Amino acid sequence: MPTKTLRIPTPDGVADAFAAFPDDDRRHPAVLVYPDAFGLRPELEDRARELAGHGYYALVPNFLYRHGPAPVVELPAHVKEAVRPALIAELLPLVEAHTTERVLRDAEAYLGFLAAQPEVADGPVGAIGYCIGAVLAMRTATAHPDRVAALAGFHPGFLVTDAPDSPHLSLSRLTAEVHIGLAEQDMKPAAHDELDKALDAAGVAYTTEVYPGAIHGFTMSDTDAFDPAAMRRHWDRLLPLLGRTLRG
């Protein structure tokens, strides 16, 4: 299937990105895929190819482009649990510098880019994210309720915090259908309840689900956290969500 390595202009520079889409002459619904903290890499390119195989134009941006092209830190081919803490310590300052204001400026640029692509159909898009990417997807969906019809986050971090701009506090603007797939230790019960209450108040269709036995990072086959059963559940939840909301 066709793939492209891209450079997307934003108000703060140029973001490198990867796109995959079906090999035909039709236009297809778009899915904006936000990576985990380890960023754009072959694992996420494969995720985009899988989505393209199901009939979507999948765009994966390097959301840390302000710090350089992906990968912004040196990554091993497989992230073993022993090296994960050191990598996270290196990446955390870059993630923390990715403020809400930056997220929203970038989301505007990514959605504008998608709307201009000849392979992308008119109509709503999906926003999905992994780990910190779930935060970016949620902020994108709440800032653009007229554009984003599907929101999914897997092994998310920081959806419910004490910060005045915690992502869950903006859910009143949401119109998208939502699925949040959690590892067992991703969210404390009180935070999970707070997220569900915010989604209830938004009045949208949603599921928040703890994937049994899964640990944080369960969708990433290039890490020790990978869980094949949880990954299958991820696809079992994600593909019907995209089909209902983007194909209508």
Foldseek 3Di string as FASTA:
>chain_A
DDKDFDWFDFPLGTWTKIKDAEDDQAAFAEEEEEEALQFDDVLVNVVRNVVRVVGYIYMYIRLLCVCHHPPSDDDDQFAEPVCVVVVCVVRVVSLVVCDLVNLQRVLVRVVVVLVPDSNHDPAAHAYEYEACSLLSRLSSQLVCQVHHAEHEYEQYAQCDDPDPVRSLVSLLSHAHEYEYEHEPPSDDPVRVVSSVVSNVNSVYHYDYYYDPPADGPCCGPRYPRHDVVVVVVVCVPPPVSCCVGVVD
